Amino acid sequence: MNTSFVLKIIKLYSTDISLAFTILEISKKSRLSYNAAHRTVQALVKQGILSIKKIGPVSQVSLVKNPTSYSYLMLANADNARDNDSLVKKIEGIWERKEDKH
């Protein structure tokens, strides 16, 4: 999973954690391709960070309110998170360990 994609998506919830977006909205707001946004959202749902609620024909993606989600939200809002290579490597290591458990 691409850490920069994760941070772009999580940062969308920084203004209001109760917001919900469609995957199309996420892809446009985060400036990711639809495919990249969809794959990243699915991985975040699998990790319990995002949830998808079907409302009619539309799937609304929202942030799950738990300590892990809040940690990622704080990280996404850190000014230098993108430039801090060691921090990004640590996050990728966490993702690999979480994916190995599932």
N, C-alpha and C. Protein backbone atom coordinates (compact mmCIF):
# COMPACT_ATOMS: atom_id res chain seq x y z
N MET A 1 0.85 -1.17 0.00
CA MET A 1 0.00 0.00 0.00
C MET A 1 0.90 1.24 0.00
N ASN A 2 0.56 2.19 -0.83
CA ASN A 2 1.35 3.41 -0.96
C ASN A 2 1.01 4.37 0.19
N THR A 3 2.00 4.64 1.01
CA THR A 3 1.79 5.47 2.20
C THR A 3 1.35 6.88 1.85
N SER A 4 1.89 7.44 0.77
CA SER A 4 1.48 8.80 0.40
C SER A 4 0.02 8.84 -0.02
N PHE A 5 -0.47 7.77 -0.66
CA PHE A 5 -1.89 7.69 -1.02
C PHE A 5 -2.74 7.64 0.24
N VAL A 6 -2.31 6.83 1.21
CA VAL A 6 -3.04 6.70 2.47
C VAL A 6 -3.15 8.06 3.15
N LEU A 7 -2.04 8.78 3.22
CA LEU A 7 -2.03 10.08 3.90
C LEU A 7 -2.91 11.09 3.18
N LYS A 8 -2.91 11.06 1.85
CA LYS A 8 -3.77 11.97 1.08
C LYS A 8 -5.24 11.71 1.38
N ILE A 9 -5.61 10.44 1.45
CA ILE A 9 -7.01 10.09 1.69
C ILE A 9 -7.41 10.41 3.12
N ILE A 10 -6.59 10.04 4.08
CA ILE A 10 -6.91 10.30 5.49
C ILE A 10 -7.01 11.80 5.76
N LYS A 11 -6.18 12.59 5.09
CA LYS A 11 -6.18 14.04 5.32
C LYS A 11 -7.51 14.68 4.94
N LEU A 12 -8.29 14.04 4.06
CA LEU A 12 -9.59 14.58 3.68
C LEU A 12 -10.53 14.70 4.88
N TYR A 13 -10.31 13.87 5.88
CA TYR A 13 -11.18 13.86 7.05
C TYR A 13 -10.69 14.80 8.15
N SER A 14 -9.64 15.57 7.89
CA SER A 14 -9.06 16.41 8.93
C SER A 14 -9.94 17.59 9.32
N THR A 15 -10.75 18.10 8.41
CA THR A 15 -11.62 19.23 8.75
C THR A 15 -12.81 18.79 9.59
N ASP A 16 -13.30 17.58 9.35
CA ASP A 16 -14.45 17.06 10.09
C ASP A 16 -14.43 15.54 9.98
N ILE A 17 -14.21 14.87 11.11
CA ILE A 17 -14.08 13.41 11.07
C ILE A 17 -15.40 12.70 10.80
N SER A 18 -16.50 13.42 10.82
CA SER A 18 -17.80 12.78 10.55
C SER A 18 -18.17 12.85 9.07
N LEU A 19 -17.31 13.42 8.23
CA LEU A 19 -17.60 13.50 6.80
C LEU A 19 -17.62 12.12 6.16
N ALA A 20 -18.35 12.02 5.06
CA ALA A 20 -18.36 10.80 4.25
C ALA A 20 -18.22 11.23 2.79
N PHE A 21 -17.44 10.47 2.05
CA PHE A 21 -17.19 10.77 0.65
C PHE A 21 -17.43 9.52 -0.18
N THR A 22 -17.76 9.71 -1.45
CA THR A 22 -17.76 8.59 -2.38
C THR A 22 -16.31 8.39 -2.82
N ILE A 23 -16.03 7.25 -3.41
CA ILE A 23 -14.67 7.00 -3.90
C ILE A 23 -14.32 7.99 -5.01
N LEU A 24 -15.29 8.35 -5.83
CA LEU A 24 -15.04 9.34 -6.88
C LEU A 24 -14.64 10.69 -6.26
N GLU A 25 -15.35 11.10 -5.21
CA GLU A 25 -15.00 12.36 -4.53
C GLU A 25 -13.60 12.27 -3.92
N ILE A 26 -13.30 11.13 -3.33
CA ILE A 26 -11.97 10.93 -2.74
C ILE A 26 -10.90 11.04 -3.81
N SER A 27 -11.13 10.41 -4.95
CA SER A 27 -10.11 10.45 -6.01
C SER A 27 -9.91 11.87 -6.52
N LYS A 28 -10.98 12.62 -6.66
CA LYS A 28 -10.86 14.00 -7.15
C LYS A 28 -10.20 14.91 -6.11
N LYS A 29 -10.65 14.82 -4.86
CA LYS A 29 -10.12 15.71 -3.81
C LYS A 29 -8.66 15.40 -3.48
N SER A 30 -8.28 14.14 -3.56
CA SER A 30 -6.91 13.75 -3.23
C SER A 30 -6.00 13.73 -4.46
N ARG A 31 -6.60 13.98 -5.62
CA ARG A 31 -5.87 14.00 -6.90
C ARG A 31 -5.17 12.67 -7.19
N LEU A 32 -5.91 11.60 -6.92
CA LEU A 32 -5.46 10.25 -7.24
C LEU A 32 -6.34 9.70 -8.35
N SER A 33 -5.84 8.74 -9.08
CA SER A 33 -6.70 8.09 -10.06
C SER A 33 -7.80 7.35 -9.31
N TYR A 34 -8.91 7.10 -10.00
CA TYR A 34 -10.00 6.38 -9.35
C TYR A 34 -9.52 5.01 -8.88
N ASN A 35 -8.75 4.34 -9.73
CA ASN A 35 -8.26 3.00 -9.41
C ASN A 35 -7.38 3.02 -8.15
N ALA A 36 -6.46 3.98 -8.07
CA ALA A 36 -5.59 4.07 -6.90
C ALA A 36 -6.39 4.40 -5.64
N ALA A 37 -7.35 5.31 -5.77
CA ALA A 37 -8.19 5.66 -4.63
C ALA A 37 -9.01 4.46 -4.17
N HIS A 38 -9.58 3.73 -5.12
CA HIS A 38 -10.41 2.56 -4.79
C HIS A 38 -9.57 1.49 -4.08
N ARG A 39 -8.40 1.18 -4.62
CA ARG A 39 -7.54 0.16 -4.00
C ARG A 39 -7.11 0.58 -2.59
N THR A 40 -6.76 1.84 -2.43
CA THR A 40 -6.31 2.32 -1.13
C THR A 40 -7.46 2.33 -0.13
N VAL A 41 -8.63 2.76 -0.55
CA VAL A 41 -9.81 2.75 0.33
C VAL A 41 -10.12 1.32 0.75
N GLN A 42 -10.10 0.38 -0.18
CA GLN A 42 -10.39 -1.02 0.16
C GLN A 42 -9.39 -1.56 1.19
N ALA A 43 -8.12 -1.20 1.02
CA ALA A 43 -7.10 -1.65 1.98
C ALA A 43 -7.33 -1.01 3.35
N LEU A 44 -7.72 0.26 3.37
CA LEU A 44 -7.99 0.94 4.65
C LEU A 44 -9.25 0.39 5.32
N VAL A 45 -10.22 -0.02 4.54
CA VAL A 45 -11.42 -0.67 5.09
C VAL A 45 -11.02 -2.00 5.72
N LYS A 46 -10.19 -2.75 5.02
CA LYS A 46 -9.73 -4.05 5.52
C LYS A 46 -8.95 -3.90 6.83
N GLN A 47 -8.24 -2.77 6.97
CA GLN A 47 -7.46 -2.51 8.19
C GLN A 47 -8.30 -1.90 9.31
N GLY A 48 -9.57 -1.57 9.02
CA GLY A 48 -10.45 -1.01 10.05
C GLY A 48 -10.27 0.48 10.27
N ILE A 49 -9.70 1.18 9.29
CA ILE A 49 -9.48 2.62 9.41
C ILE A 49 -10.61 3.40 8.75
N LEU A 50 -11.13 2.88 7.66
CA LEU A 50 -12.28 3.47 6.98
C LEU A 50 -13.41 2.45 6.96
N SER A 51 -14.63 2.93 6.78
CA SER A 51 -15.78 2.03 6.61
C SER A 51 -16.58 2.50 5.41
N ILE A 52 -17.26 1.56 4.79
CA ILE A 52 -18.09 1.87 3.63
C ILE A 52 -19.54 1.56 3.99
N LYS A 53 -20.41 2.53 3.75
CA LYS A 53 -21.84 2.35 3.99
C LYS A 53 -22.55 2.58 2.66
N LYS A 54 -23.36 1.62 2.28
CA LYS A 54 -24.10 1.70 1.02
C LYS A 54 -25.40 2.47 1.27
N ILE A 55 -25.57 3.58 0.55
CA ILE A 55 -26.79 4.38 0.63
C ILE A 55 -27.37 4.42 -0.77
N GLY A 56 -28.37 3.59 -1.01
CA GLY A 56 -28.91 3.46 -2.36
C GLY A 56 -27.83 2.92 -3.27
N PRO A 57 -27.63 3.54 -4.42
CA PRO A 57 -26.60 3.06 -5.35
C PRO A 57 -25.20 3.60 -5.03
N VAL A 58 -25.09 4.43 -3.99
CA VAL A 58 -23.83 5.11 -3.69
C VAL A 58 -23.18 4.50 -2.45
N SER A 59 -21.87 4.32 -2.51
CA SER A 59 -21.10 3.87 -1.34
C SER A 59 -20.42 5.07 -0.71
N GLN A 60 -20.74 5.32 0.55
CA GLN A 60 -20.15 6.44 1.30
C GLN A 60 -19.02 5.90 2.18
N VAL A 61 -17.87 6.53 2.07
CA VAL A 61 -16.69 6.12 2.83
C VAL A 61 -16.49 7.10 3.98
N SER A 62 -16.38 6.56 5.19
CA SER A 62 -16.18 7.42 6.35
C SER A 62 -15.05 6.87 7.22
N LEU A 63 -14.55 7.73 8.08
CA LEU A 63 -13.46 7.38 8.98
C LEU A 63 -14.02 6.63 10.18
N VAL A 64 -13.42 5.51 10.51
CA VAL A 64 -13.79 4.77 11.72
C VAL A 64 -13.13 5.49 12.89
N LYS A 65 -13.89 5.72 13.92
CA LYS A 65 -13.37 6.48 15.06
C LYS A 65 -12.72 5.53 16.06
N ASN A 66 -11.41 5.33 15.88
CA ASN A 66 -10.63 4.49 16.79
C ASN A 66 -9.22 5.07 16.90
N PRO A 67 -8.43 4.62 17.87
CA PRO A 67 -7.10 5.20 18.07
C PRO A 67 -6.19 5.11 16.84
N THR A 68 -6.27 4.02 16.09
CA THR A 68 -5.43 3.88 14.90
C THR A 68 -5.78 4.94 13.87
N SER A 69 -7.06 5.15 13.65
CA SER A 69 -7.50 6.17 12.69
C SER A 69 -7.05 7.56 13.12
N TYR A 70 -7.17 7.84 14.40
CA TYR A 70 -6.75 9.15 14.90
C TYR A 70 -5.24 9.34 14.75
N SER A 71 -4.49 8.26 14.93
CA SER A 71 -3.04 8.34 14.75
C SER A 71 -2.70 8.68 13.31
N TYR A 72 -3.36 8.02 12.38
CA TYR A 72 -3.12 8.31 10.96
C TYR A 72 -3.56 9.72 10.60
N LEU A 73 -4.63 10.17 11.21
CA LEU A 73 -5.11 11.53 10.96
C LEU A 73 -4.10 12.56 11.45
N MET A 74 -3.53 12.33 12.62
CA MET A 74 -2.50 13.24 13.13
C MET A 74 -1.27 13.21 12.23
N LEU A 75 -0.90 12.03 11.78
CA LEU A 75 0.25 11.90 10.90
C LEU A 75 0.01 12.61 9.57
N ALA A 76 -1.18 12.47 9.02
CA ALA A 76 -1.50 13.11 7.75
C ALA A 76 -1.45 14.62 7.86
N ASN A 77 -1.72 15.14 9.03
CA ASN A 77 -1.72 16.58 9.23
C ASN A 77 -0.36 17.14 9.65
N ALA A 78 0.59 16.26 9.90
CA ALA A 78 1.93 16.74 10.26
C ALA A 78 2.55 17.44 9.06
N ASP A 79 3.08 18.61 9.28
CA ASP A 79 3.63 19.42 8.19
C ASP A 79 4.74 18.72 7.42
N ASN A 80 5.58 17.98 8.11
CA ASN A 80 6.73 17.40 7.44
C ASN A 80 6.60 15.89 7.24
N ALA A 81 5.42 15.35 7.34
CA ALA A 81 5.25 13.90 7.23
C ALA A 81 5.69 13.39 5.86
N ARG A 82 5.41 14.14 4.82
CA ARG A 82 5.75 13.70 3.47
C ARG A 82 7.26 13.68 3.27
N ASP A 83 7.98 14.60 3.93
CA ASP A 83 9.41 14.71 3.73
C ASP A 83 10.22 13.83 4.67
N ASN A 84 9.60 13.25 5.63
CA ASN A 84 10.31 12.48 6.63
C ASN A 84 10.39 11.02 6.21
N ASP A 85 11.47 10.65 5.54
CA ASP A 85 11.62 9.30 5.00
C ASP A 85 11.60 8.23 6.08
N SER A 86 12.25 8.48 7.21
CA SER A 86 12.28 7.46 8.26
C SER A 86 10.88 7.20 8.81
N LEU A 87 10.09 8.25 8.93
CA LEU A 87 8.72 8.09 9.41
C LEU A 87 7.88 7.29 8.42
N VAL A 88 8.03 7.59 7.15
CA VAL A 88 7.30 6.86 6.11
C VAL A 88 7.69 5.39 6.12
N LYS A 89 8.97 5.10 6.29
CA LYS A 89 9.43 3.70 6.33
C LYS A 89 8.84 2.97 7.53
N LYS A 90 8.75 3.65 8.67
CA LYS A 90 8.14 3.04 9.85
C LYS A 90 6.67 2.72 9.60
N ILE A 91 5.97 3.64 8.96
CA ILE A 91 4.56 3.42 8.66
C ILE A 91 4.40 2.24 7.72
N GLU A 92 5.24 2.17 6.69
CA GLU A 92 5.15 1.06 5.76
C GLU A 92 5.42 -0.26 6.46
N GLY A 93 6.34 -0.26 7.44
CA GLY A 93 6.61 -1.46 8.22
C GLY A 93 5.40 -1.88 9.04
N ILE A 94 4.69 -0.90 9.59
CA ILE A 94 3.46 -1.20 10.35
C ILE A 94 2.43 -1.82 9.43
N TRP A 95 2.26 -1.25 8.22
CA TRP A 95 1.29 -1.79 7.26
C TRP A 95 1.63 -3.23 6.90
N GLU A 96 2.91 -3.50 6.66
CA GLU A 96 3.32 -4.86 6.29
C GLU A 96 3.00 -5.84 7.41
N ARG A 97 3.27 -5.45 8.65
CA ARG A 97 2.97 -6.34 9.78
C ARG A 97 1.46 -6.56 9.91
N LYS A 98 0.67 -5.49 9.72
CA LYS A 98 -0.79 -5.63 9.82
C LYS A 98 -1.32 -6.53 8.71
N GLU A 99 -0.78 -6.38 7.49
CA GLU A 99 -1.24 -7.19 6.37
C GLU A 99 -0.85 -8.65 6.55
N ASP A 100 0.30 -8.91 7.19
CA ASP A 100 0.72 -10.29 7.44
C ASP A 100 -0.22 -10.99 8.41
N LYS A 101 -0.83 -10.23 9.32
CA LYS A 101 -1.74 -10.81 10.31
C LYS A 101 -3.07 -11.22 9.69
N HIS A 102 -3.45 -10.55 8.58
CA HIS A 102 -4.76 -10.83 7.98
C HIS A 102 -4.66 -11.86 6.94
